[in-house]
Amino acid sequence: MSDHPPELGWMRLFVEVARLGSFSAAATLLGLTQPAVSYQIRRLEQQFGVNLLRRQHRGVELTAEGERLLAVAAKAVGDIDALARSFRVEAERPVVRLRTDYAFSALWLIPRMDGFRRLHPETDIQIVATQRLAAGFRDEADVAVVFGTRTQFEAVGTLLLPERVVPVCTRGFLDRNGPFDDPGQLAGARLIHLDAPLPSPWFDWRTYFAEFSILRGAHAGRGDISFNTYSLVVQSALSEQGVALGWMGLVDTLLSAGMLLEAGPSLEARDRGYWLVPPRSPNVHSERLSTWLSDEVKKND
């Protein structure tokens, strides 16, 4: 065990792995590869001389030692992020924060980020990814992209991406398990689920089949897989583990590249989806980001 404290970069990586419960999800969020994340965590455990995570079939969970480290590391990373923001303000370089969830940031935003940088090189953008926005998230000068219903957000925002889903899988999975010429055939396939409360706030396989008046057999769900983050759902589909519901706007690039194929009819909820919510006190930088987000969505309409 080393007497020297680990670098901050390792702390940030550990915090994200702990929060997401997955090496792959943390790698996607941080722009790294899954093996690189796994290697850094092993080095961190060697440096501390204890096991920080328990590797499981569907991800990882913290050990007691990992819980203790997370309490310290999360505060340290948060404090340093806050200090970094203050440095930027002092340097009079504008920073605009975008608050959104992990799926939108990883699958929609990050592949397009360079476009905003080229258009507005004078403005720094900070992505704050979280699954739950605090009640007062509009009080700060942030732009938010949040998933919800017209009832929740129409009064404060505009609908950016209406919810539209389509079953997706790889060509290899389709060749081995298809064809899926109608939704009824999907009911017998191995499905990939995104964990959600009941009733689900978004389309899930239960509501998808209900739309077509399809009942799955008692044994049809054997072998299904479920994840608590959508990035892992997509990764599982790419790994030919089953058929997932693909949210249009999040899997478009994978479909256009042929990495995933449509495997059934689509469904749309016009009053539900991702909403663009400006801050209570907009400024020129938040307005530029909001305009860019809207324009990017229109490019694919």
Protein backbone atom coordinates (compact mmCIF):
# COMPACT_ATOMS: atom_id res chain seq x y z
CA MET A 1 0.00 0.00 0.00
CA SER A 2 1.35 3.42 -1.00
CA ASP A 3 1.60 6.31 1.47
CA HIS A 4 0.90 8.79 -1.31
CA PRO A 5 -2.70 9.86 -1.95
CA PRO A 6 -4.17 9.00 -5.37
CA GLU A 7 -4.55 11.63 -8.05
CA LEU A 8 -7.76 13.58 -8.36
CA GLY A 9 -8.44 12.01 -11.77
CA TRP A 10 -8.72 8.62 -10.11
CA MET A 11 -11.07 10.10 -7.54
CA ARG A 12 -13.40 11.45 -10.20
CA LEU A 13 -13.36 8.15 -12.04
CA PHE A 14 -14.11 6.23 -8.82
CA VAL A 15 -16.99 8.57 -7.96
CA GLU A 16 -18.63 8.05 -11.36
CA VAL A 17 -18.20 4.26 -11.25
CA ALA A 18 -19.73 4.24 -7.76
CA ARG A 19 -22.65 6.46 -8.74
CA LEU A 20 -23.45 4.56 -11.94
CA GLY A 21 -22.67 1.08 -10.66
CA SER A 22 -20.95 0.24 -13.94
CA PHE A 23 -17.51 0.48 -15.53
CA SER A 24 -19.09 0.82 -19.00
CA ALA A 25 -21.46 3.63 -18.02
CA ALA A 26 -18.65 5.56 -16.31
CA ALA A 27 -16.42 5.05 -19.36
CA THR A 28 -19.14 6.43 -21.64
CA LEU A 29 -19.71 9.44 -19.41
CA LEU A 30 -16.00 10.25 -19.06
CA GLY A 31 -15.04 9.52 -22.68
CA LEU A 32 -12.82 6.54 -21.77
CA THR A 33 -12.78 2.85 -22.66
CA GLN A 34 -14.18 0.23 -20.28
CA PRO A 35 -10.80 -1.56 -19.94
CA ALA A 36 -9.11 1.77 -19.06
CA VAL A 37 -11.66 2.40 -16.30
CA SER A 38 -11.29 -1.13 -14.94
CA TYR A 39 -7.49 -0.81 -14.95
CA GLN A 40 -7.54 2.51 -13.08
CA ILE A 41 -9.89 1.12 -10.43
CA ARG A 42 -7.60 -1.88 -9.90
CA ARG A 43 -4.65 0.50 -9.46
CA LEU A 44 -6.68 2.52 -6.99
CA GLU A 45 -7.49 -0.59 -4.96
CA GLN A 46 -3.82 -1.60 -5.00
CA GLN A 47 -2.83 1.85 -3.78
CA PHE A 48 -5.31 1.74 -0.89
CA GLY A 49 -4.69 -1.93 -0.19
CA VAL A 50 -8.41 -2.81 0.01
CA ASN A 51 -11.21 -3.89 -2.31
CA LEU A 52 -13.41 -0.91 -3.09
CA LEU A 53 -15.89 -2.63 -5.39
CA ARG A 54 -17.56 -6.01 -5.74
CA ARG A 55 -17.71 -7.11 -9.35
CA GLN A 56 -21.10 -8.60 -10.22
CA HIS A 57 -22.77 -9.97 -13.33
CA ARG A 58 -24.74 -6.75 -13.90
CA GLY A 59 -22.23 -4.18 -12.73
CA VAL A 60 -20.45 -3.35 -9.54
CA GLU A 61 -21.38 -2.31 -6.02
CA LEU A 62 -19.39 -0.65 -3.26
CA THR A 63 -17.75 -2.53 -0.42
CA ALA A 64 -17.85 -1.00 3.06
CA GLU A 65 -14.42 0.52 2.36
CA GLY A 66 -15.69 1.83 -0.96
CA GLU A 67 -18.62 3.55 0.78
CA ARG A 68 -16.21 5.33 3.12
CA LEU A 69 -14.00 6.44 0.26
CA LEU A 70 -16.98 7.66 -1.78
CA ALA A 71 -18.11 9.97 1.01
CA VAL A 72 -14.72 11.68 0.98
CA ALA A 73 -14.05 11.52 -2.76
CA ALA A 74 -17.45 12.88 -3.84
CA LYS A 75 -17.03 15.92 -1.60
CA ALA A 76 -13.46 16.49 -2.81
CA VAL A 77 -14.44 16.27 -6.48
CA GLY A 78 -17.46 18.52 -5.90
CA ASP A 79 -15.39 21.11 -4.05
CA ILE A 80 -12.75 21.18 -6.76
CA ASP A 81 -15.42 21.49 -9.49
CA ALA A 82 -16.89 24.45 -7.62
CA LEU A 83 -13.45 26.03 -7.28
CA ALA A 84 -12.76 25.48 -10.98
CA ARG A 85 -16.01 27.27 -11.80
CA SER A 86 -14.99 30.21 -9.64
CA PHE A 87 -11.62 30.37 -11.42
CA ARG A 88 -13.44 30.62 -14.74
CA VAL A 89 -15.65 33.40 -13.48
CA GLU A 90 -12.63 35.28 -12.17
CA ALA A 91 -10.97 34.92 -15.55
CA GLU A 92 -14.14 36.36 -17.11
CA ARG A 93 -14.50 33.40 -19.45
CA PRO A 94 -18.19 32.58 -19.79
CA VAL A 95 -19.35 29.15 -18.62
CA VAL A 96 -22.82 27.84 -19.35
CA ARG A 97 -24.01 24.71 -17.59
CA LEU A 98 -26.33 22.17 -19.16
CA ARG A 99 -28.19 19.94 -16.74
CA THR A 100 -29.58 16.72 -18.18
CA ASP A 101 -29.67 12.97 -17.60
CA TYR A 102 -27.01 10.36 -18.36
CA ALA A 103 -28.72 8.97 -21.48
CA PHE A 104 -29.15 12.34 -23.20
CA SER A 105 -25.64 13.51 -22.31
CA ALA A 106 -23.91 10.28 -23.38
CA LEU A 107 -25.90 9.35 -26.49
CA TRP A 108 -27.17 12.66 -27.90
CA LEU A 109 -25.05 15.50 -26.56
CA ILE A 110 -21.47 14.23 -26.46
CA PRO A 111 -21.38 13.16 -30.15
CA ARG A 112 -22.52 16.70 -31.09
CA MET A 113 -20.55 18.77 -28.57
CA ASP A 114 -17.83 19.75 -31.00
CA GLY A 115 -20.40 21.59 -33.10
CA PHE A 116 -21.19 23.97 -30.24
CA ARG A 117 -17.49 24.52 -29.55
CA ARG A 118 -16.84 25.46 -33.17
CA LEU A 119 -19.82 27.81 -33.25
CA HIS A 120 -19.08 29.46 -29.89
CA PRO A 121 -15.37 28.96 -29.11
CA GLU A 122 -15.49 31.79 -26.55
CA THR A 123 -17.94 29.92 -24.30
CA ASP A 124 -17.18 26.98 -22.04
CA ILE A 125 -19.95 24.43 -21.59
CA GLN A 126 -20.20 22.28 -18.50
CA ILE A 127 -22.41 19.19 -18.55
CA VAL A 128 -24.01 18.33 -15.21
CA ALA A 129 -25.45 14.83 -15.63
CA THR A 130 -27.92 13.61 -13.04
CA GLN A 131 -30.99 11.40 -13.06
CA ARG A 132 -32.92 13.67 -10.69
CA LEU A 133 -33.03 17.43 -10.89
CA ALA A 134 -33.45 19.37 -7.67
CA ALA A 135 -36.68 21.34 -7.31
CA GLY A 136 -34.88 24.68 -7.73
CA PHE A 137 -32.75 23.77 -10.75
CA ARG A 138 -33.97 26.83 -12.70
CA ASP A 139 -32.78 29.29 -10.06
CA GLU A 140 -29.21 29.09 -11.36
CA ALA A 141 -28.12 30.30 -14.80
CA ASP A 142 -28.37 26.81 -16.31
CA VAL A 143 -30.08 25.33 -19.33
CA ALA A 144 -31.80 22.02 -18.61
CA VAL A 145 -32.91 19.19 -20.87
CA VAL A 146 -35.31 17.05 -18.86
CA PHE A 147 -37.54 14.09 -19.63
CA GLY A 148 -41.18 14.44 -18.70
CA THR A 149 -44.70 15.26 -19.75
CA ARG A 150 -46.43 18.30 -21.19
CA THR A 151 -48.22 18.78 -17.86
CA GLN A 152 -44.88 18.95 -16.03
CA PHE A 153 -42.87 21.23 -18.31
CA GLU A 154 -44.94 22.99 -20.97
CA ALA A 155 -45.35 26.06 -18.74
CA VAL A 156 -41.58 26.56 -18.46
CA GLY A 157 -40.06 24.91 -21.53
CA THR A 158 -40.45 23.66 -25.08
CA LEU A 159 -40.62 20.08 -26.30
CA LEU A 160 -37.23 19.27 -27.81
CA LEU A 161 -37.51 15.56 -28.61
CA PRO A 162 -40.97 13.95 -28.49
CA GLU A 163 -40.76 10.41 -27.17
CA ARG A 164 -40.68 7.93 -30.03
CA VAL A 165 -39.38 4.41 -29.57
CA VAL A 166 -38.68 1.54 -31.92
CA PRO A 167 -37.42 -1.98 -31.11
CA VAL A 168 -33.75 -2.31 -32.05
CA CYS A 169 -31.18 -5.10 -32.20
CA THR A 170 -28.09 -6.03 -34.19
CA ARG A 171 -28.11 -7.77 -37.54
CA GLY A 172 -26.49 -10.79 -35.90
CA PHE A 173 -29.18 -11.11 -33.24
CA LEU A 174 -31.91 -10.67 -35.86
CA ASP A 175 -30.43 -13.35 -38.12
CA ARG A 176 -30.19 -15.84 -35.23
CA ASN A 177 -33.51 -15.09 -33.54
CA GLY A 178 -35.77 -13.44 -36.10
CA PRO A 179 -37.53 -12.61 -38.19
CA PHE A 180 -39.67 -10.16 -36.24
CA ASP A 181 -42.25 -9.38 -38.89
CA ASP A 182 -44.86 -8.31 -36.35
CA PRO A 183 -44.84 -7.22 -32.69
CA GLY A 184 -46.24 -10.58 -31.60
CA GLN A 185 -43.00 -12.31 -32.61
CA LEU A 186 -41.05 -9.88 -30.41
CA ALA A 187 -42.97 -11.17 -27.38
CA GLY A 188 -41.06 -14.44 -27.62
CA ALA A 189 -37.63 -12.84 -28.02
CA ARG A 190 -35.05 -12.09 -25.36
CA LEU A 191 -35.72 -8.47 -24.34
CA ILE A 192 -33.57 -5.80 -22.70
CA HIS A 193 -35.36 -3.62 -20.16
CA LEU A 194 -34.70 -0.23 -18.59
CA ASP A 195 -35.68 -0.30 -14.93
CA ALA A 196 -38.51 2.09 -14.17
CA PRO A 197 -41.09 2.73 -11.45
CA LEU A 198 -44.64 1.57 -12.04
CA PRO A 199 -46.42 2.98 -13.87
CA SER A 200 -43.45 3.69 -16.11
CA PRO A 201 -42.89 7.38 -16.94
CA TRP A 202 -41.75 6.32 -20.43
CA PHE A 203 -42.45 3.53 -22.88
CA ASP A 204 -41.33 0.15 -21.61
CA TRP A 205 -41.90 -3.31 -23.04
CA ARG A 206 -45.09 -3.78 -21.02
CA THR A 207 -46.70 -0.63 -22.42
CA TYR A 208 -45.26 -1.31 -25.88
CA PHE A 209 -46.97 -4.69 -26.10
CA ALA A 210 -50.15 -3.27 -24.57
CA GLU A 211 -50.38 -0.80 -27.46
CA PHE A 212 -50.64 -3.80 -29.82
CA SER A 213 -52.86 -5.87 -27.49
CA ILE A 214 -50.12 -8.48 -27.10
CA LEU A 215 -49.67 -10.66 -24.02
CA ARG A 216 -46.32 -12.34 -23.38
CA GLY A 217 -46.49 -15.99 -22.38
CA ALA A 218 -45.72 -17.01 -18.81
CA HIS A 219 -42.28 -18.28 -19.79
CA ALA A 220 -41.45 -15.69 -22.46
CA GLY A 221 -39.51 -13.43 -20.10
CA ARG A 222 -36.93 -16.01 -19.15
CA GLY A 223 -33.49 -14.77 -20.16
CA ASP A 224 -34.53 -11.11 -20.29
CA ILE A 225 -31.99 -8.54 -19.03
CA SER A 226 -32.62 -5.27 -17.21
CA PHE A 227 -30.42 -2.27 -16.42
CA ASN A 228 -30.86 0.91 -14.38
CA THR A 229 -29.21 3.22 -16.95
CA TYR A 230 -30.12 3.54 -20.62
CA SER A 231 -26.50 3.62 -21.79
CA LEU A 232 -26.16 0.04 -20.53
CA VAL A 233 -29.36 -0.96 -22.32
CA VAL A 234 -27.89 0.30 -25.59
CA GLN A 235 -24.53 -1.35 -24.91
CA SER A 236 -26.28 -4.65 -24.24
CA ALA A 237 -28.17 -4.41 -27.53
CA LEU A 238 -24.92 -3.64 -29.36
CA SER A 239 -23.43 -6.74 -27.72
CA GLU A 240 -26.21 -8.84 -29.28
CA GLN A 241 -27.81 -9.69 -25.94
CA GLY A 242 -31.39 -9.05 -27.06
CA VAL A 243 -33.90 -6.52 -28.39
CA ALA A 244 -34.14 -3.10 -26.72
CA LEU A 245 -36.51 -0.19 -27.08
CA GLY A 246 -34.54 2.48 -28.92
CA TRP A 247 -35.38 6.10 -28.17
CA MET A 248 -35.23 8.06 -31.40
CA GLY A 249 -32.88 10.96 -30.90
CA LEU A 250 -30.64 8.77 -28.75
CA VAL A 251 -29.98 5.81 -31.07
CA ASP A 252 -30.27 7.58 -34.45
CA THR A 253 -26.54 7.57 -35.13
CA LEU A 254 -26.33 3.84 -34.32
CA LEU A 255 -29.21 3.12 -36.70
CA SER A 256 -27.78 5.25 -39.51
CA ALA A 257 -24.40 3.52 -39.09
CA GLY A 258 -26.04 0.09 -39.30
CA MET A 259 -24.83 -0.88 -35.84
CA LEU A 260 -28.46 -1.37 -34.80
CA LEU A 261 -31.50 -2.22 -36.92
CA GLU A 262 -35.18 -1.48 -36.42
CA ALA A 263 -36.93 -4.69 -35.37
CA GLY A 264 -40.56 -3.60 -35.13
CA PRO A 265 -43.01 -0.73 -35.50
CA SER A 266 -42.45 2.53 -33.67
CA LEU A 267 -44.62 4.17 -31.04
CA GLU A 268 -44.82 7.87 -30.25
CA ALA A 269 -46.06 9.91 -27.29
CA ARG A 270 -46.49 13.46 -28.54
CA ASP A 271 -47.00 14.95 -25.07
CA ARG A 272 -43.93 13.32 -23.54
CA GLY A 273 -40.22 13.48 -24.19
CA TYR A 274 -37.18 15.69 -23.59
CA TRP A 275 -38.01 19.32 -22.76
CA LEU A 276 -35.68 22.29 -23.17
CA VAL A 277 -36.01 24.43 -20.04
CA PRO A 278 -34.21 27.79 -19.87
CA PRO A 279 -33.05 29.33 -16.58
CA ARG A 280 -35.22 31.82 -14.70
CA SER A 281 -32.69 34.53 -15.54
CA PRO A 282 -31.42 33.85 -19.08
CA ASN A 283 -28.24 35.45 -20.37
CA VAL A 284 -26.66 35.61 -23.80
CA HIS A 285 -24.70 32.40 -23.21
CA SER A 286 -27.67 30.33 -22.02
CA GLU A 287 -29.70 31.63 -24.96
CA ARG A 288 -26.93 30.62 -27.39
CA LEU A 289 -26.89 27.12 -25.95
CA SER A 290 -30.69 26.85 -26.08
CA THR A 291 -30.73 28.01 -29.71
CA TRP A 292 -27.99 25.55 -30.65
CA LEU A 293 -29.86 22.64 -29.01
CA SER A 294 -33.06 23.50 -30.88
CA ASP A 295 -31.21 23.89 -34.18
CA GLU A 296 -29.44 20.54 -33.76
CA VAL A 297 -32.74 18.76 -33.23
CA LYS A 298 -34.29 20.44 -36.29
CA LYS A 299 -31.43 19.19 -38.46
CA ASN A 300 -32.71 15.62 -37.95
CA ASP A 301 -36.43 16.38 -38.32
